[in-house]
Protein backbone atom coordinates (compact mmCIF):
# COMPACT_ATOMS: atom_id res chain seq x y z
CA UNK A 1 93.08 75.60 118.15
CA UNK A 2 96.34 75.85 116.28
CA UNK A 3 97.78 79.17 115.21
CA UNK A 4 97.29 78.21 111.56
CA UNK A 5 93.61 77.44 112.07
CA UNK A 6 93.14 80.70 113.98
CA UNK A 7 94.79 82.74 111.22
CA UNK A 8 92.77 81.02 108.47
CA UNK A 9 89.54 81.53 110.42
CA UNK A 10 90.34 85.21 110.94
CA UNK A 11 91.10 85.65 107.23
CA UNK A 12 87.72 84.15 106.40
CA UNK A 13 86.01 86.35 109.02
CA UNK A 14 87.63 89.52 107.65
CA UNK A 15 87.03 88.45 104.00
CA UNK A 16 89.36 90.78 102.04
CA UNK A 17 87.08 90.91 99.00
CA UNK A 18 84.06 91.86 101.12
CA UNK A 19 86.16 94.62 102.67
CA UNK A 20 87.35 95.84 99.25
CA UNK A 21 83.77 95.96 98.01
CA UNK A 22 82.74 98.18 100.92
CA UNK A 23 85.58 100.66 100.44
CA UNK A 24 84.50 104.08 99.22
CA UNK A 25 86.29 105.45 96.15
CA UNK A 26 87.41 108.43 98.25
CA UNK A 27 89.15 106.24 100.83
CA UNK A 28 92.86 107.00 100.91
CA UNK A 29 95.75 105.20 102.58
CA UNK A 30 95.17 107.05 105.83
CA UNK A 31 91.55 105.92 105.96
CA UNK A 32 92.49 102.30 105.20
CA UNK A 33 95.31 102.42 107.74
CA UNK A 34 92.95 103.77 110.38
CA UNK A 35 90.44 101.01 109.61
CA UNK A 36 93.09 98.33 110.04
CA UNK A 37 94.52 99.94 113.19
CA UNK A 38 91.04 100.27 114.70
CA UNK A 39 90.35 96.63 113.88
CA UNK A 40 93.57 95.54 115.59
CA UNK A 41 92.70 97.69 118.61
CA UNK A 42 89.25 96.09 118.82
CA UNK A 43 90.83 92.62 118.53
CA UNK A 44 93.25 93.55 121.32
CA UNK A 45 90.38 94.68 123.53
CA UNK A 46 88.33 91.54 122.79
CA UNK A 47 91.35 89.31 123.42
CA UNK A 48 92.31 91.24 126.53
CA UNK A 49 88.95 90.75 128.19
CA UNK A 50 88.55 87.15 127.03
CA UNK A 51 89.50 85.51 130.32
CA UNK A 52 87.30 87.63 132.60
CA UNK A 53 84.49 87.66 130.02
CA UNK A 54 84.38 83.89 129.66
CA UNK A 55 84.60 83.51 133.42
CA UNK A 56 81.79 86.02 133.92
CA UNK A 57 79.42 84.15 131.60
CA UNK A 58 80.74 80.76 132.79
CA UNK A 59 81.81 79.54 129.36
CA UNK A 60 84.75 77.20 128.85
CA UNK A 61 87.35 77.71 126.13
CA UNK A 62 86.11 74.84 123.93
CA UNK A 63 82.57 76.20 124.06
CA UNK A 64 83.89 79.62 123.01
CA UNK A 65 85.59 77.94 120.04
CA UNK A 66 82.32 76.30 119.05
CA UNK A 67 80.53 79.66 119.27
CA UNK A 68 83.27 81.32 117.20
CA UNK A 69 82.97 78.56 114.58
CA UNK A 70 79.20 78.97 114.37
CA UNK A 71 79.55 82.77 114.03
CA UNK A 72 82.15 82.24 111.30
CA UNK A 73 79.80 79.81 109.55
CA UNK A 74 77.01 82.42 109.52
CA UNK A 75 79.33 85.12 108.11
CA UNK A 76 80.76 82.69 105.54
CA UNK A 77 77.32 81.61 104.36
CA UNK A 78 76.34 85.26 104.05
CA UNK A 79 79.45 85.84 101.92
CA UNK A 80 78.46 82.95 99.66
CA UNK A 81 74.82 83.83 99.12
CA UNK A 82 74.48 87.58 99.70
CA UNK A 83 75.67 90.36 97.46
CA UNK A 84 78.93 91.93 98.67
CA UNK A 85 78.40 95.25 100.40
CA UNK A 86 78.44 98.31 98.20
CA UNK A 87 80.21 101.46 99.33
CA UNK A 88 77.89 103.36 101.65
CA UNK A 89 78.10 107.00 102.61
CA UNK A 90 80.80 107.03 105.23
CA UNK A 91 81.52 109.33 108.10
CA UNK A 92 83.42 112.43 106.97
CA UNK A 93 87.21 112.52 106.74
CA UNK A 94 89.31 110.14 108.80
CA UNK A 95 86.21 108.74 110.50
CA UNK A 96 85.41 106.86 107.29
CA UNK A 97 88.02 104.34 108.41
CA UNK A 98 85.85 103.52 111.42
CA UNK A 99 82.44 103.32 109.76
CA UNK A 100 81.88 101.40 107.50
CA UNK A 101 85.33 99.79 107.08
CA UNK A 102 86.55 98.83 110.56
CA UNK A 103 83.06 98.23 111.84
CA UNK A 104 81.00 96.34 110.71
CA UNK A 105 82.79 95.09 107.57
CA UNK A 106 86.21 93.97 108.85
CA UNK A 107 85.59 93.61 112.59
CA UNK A 108 82.63 91.26 112.45
CA UNK A 109 81.12 89.31 115.35
CA UNK A 110 82.98 86.26 114.05
CA UNK A 111 86.33 88.05 114.26
CA UNK A 112 85.51 89.23 117.79
CA UNK A 113 84.58 85.72 118.93
CA UNK A 114 87.67 84.26 117.27
CA UNK A 115 89.81 86.80 119.15
CA UNK A 116 88.14 85.85 122.44
CA UNK A 117 88.42 82.10 121.82
CA UNK A 118 91.98 82.35 120.52
CA UNK A 119 93.12 84.46 123.45
CA UNK A 120 91.42 82.19 125.97
CA UNK A 121 93.38 79.23 124.68
CA UNK A 122 96.65 80.63 123.33
CA UNK A 123 97.00 84.06 124.96
CA UNK A 124 96.40 87.67 123.98
CA UNK A 125 99.69 88.06 122.10
CA UNK A 126 98.98 85.05 119.89
CA UNK A 127 95.44 86.23 119.12
CA UNK A 128 96.72 89.69 118.24
CA UNK A 129 99.49 88.22 116.07
CA UNK A 130 96.96 86.00 114.26
CA UNK A 131 94.72 89.00 113.62
CA UNK A 132 97.63 91.07 112.31
CA UNK A 133 98.62 88.28 109.90
CA UNK A 134 94.98 87.78 108.87
CA UNK A 135 94.55 91.48 108.10
CA UNK A 136 97.40 91.51 105.56
CA UNK A 137 95.17 90.21 102.71
CA UNK A 138 92.51 92.75 103.68
CA UNK A 139 95.09 95.54 103.61
CA UNK A 140 96.26 94.50 100.16
CA UNK A 141 92.71 94.26 98.85
CA UNK A 142 91.78 97.63 100.34
CA UNK A 143 94.87 99.42 99.06
CA UNK A 144 95.29 98.00 95.57
CA UNK A 145 92.05 96.27 94.71
CA UNK A 146 89.25 97.89 92.75
CA UNK A 147 86.14 98.86 94.65
CA UNK A 148 83.68 97.14 92.37
CA UNK A 149 81.84 94.25 94.01
CA UNK A 150 83.84 91.03 93.94
CA UNK A 151 80.89 88.65 93.98
CA UNK A 152 82.76 85.54 92.86
CA UNK A 153 85.81 86.09 95.07
CA UNK A 154 83.76 87.08 98.10
CA UNK A 155 81.76 83.87 97.66
CA UNK A 156 84.93 81.81 97.19
CA UNK A 157 86.35 83.08 100.48
CA UNK A 158 82.93 82.39 102.00
CA UNK A 159 83.13 78.79 100.81
CA UNK A 160 86.61 78.53 102.29
CA UNK A 161 85.20 80.06 105.48
CA UNK A 162 82.50 77.39 105.78
CA UNK A 163 85.14 74.66 105.70
CA UNK A 164 87.29 76.51 108.24
CA UNK A 165 84.22 77.12 110.43
CA UNK A 166 83.54 73.39 110.46
CA UNK A 167 87.12 72.76 111.55
CA UNK A 168 86.86 75.36 114.33
CA UNK A 169 83.61 73.80 115.59
CA UNK A 170 85.11 70.30 115.42
CA UNK A 171 88.21 71.54 117.25
CA UNK A 172 85.99 72.87 120.04
CA UNK A 173 83.92 69.69 120.20
CA UNK A 174 87.07 67.55 120.26
CA UNK A 175 88.48 69.63 123.13
CA UNK A 176 85.40 68.95 125.26
């Protein structure tokens, strides 16, 4: 999987408009920063354990890419057809950056699997770099975007995500 494909897949997995829709009106820069930092930490952990994890479950790198592509496809289809999340009551204070922003909205199963698959093939540093680049649109949407649901834009990124998911799956199949 190329770095470009990994970054595009991670952008689709962390859909910035879905994230902006889930942000509470009371979320400040500290809360958003904590959500993004927690997401990067979770990506680092997932990428860091990718080698031993895949070895433990006896899964090859190409198969992990196929699984990541399928997970991305499911998330992307949900973004197309489901209503974007509405702001839910969050944990109090700084903890609001953890729930609901960092998990489950930004750090989805697709992002976790992409981190594992990317790290297994390209290394932990590359997977972390790809996640950091992919979170820039989410940061912008969370900091400057309105919190009203972005149905059309969330669906558009979901459509983009379905195409990227197909490429990730094909990349994994081709590598086998």
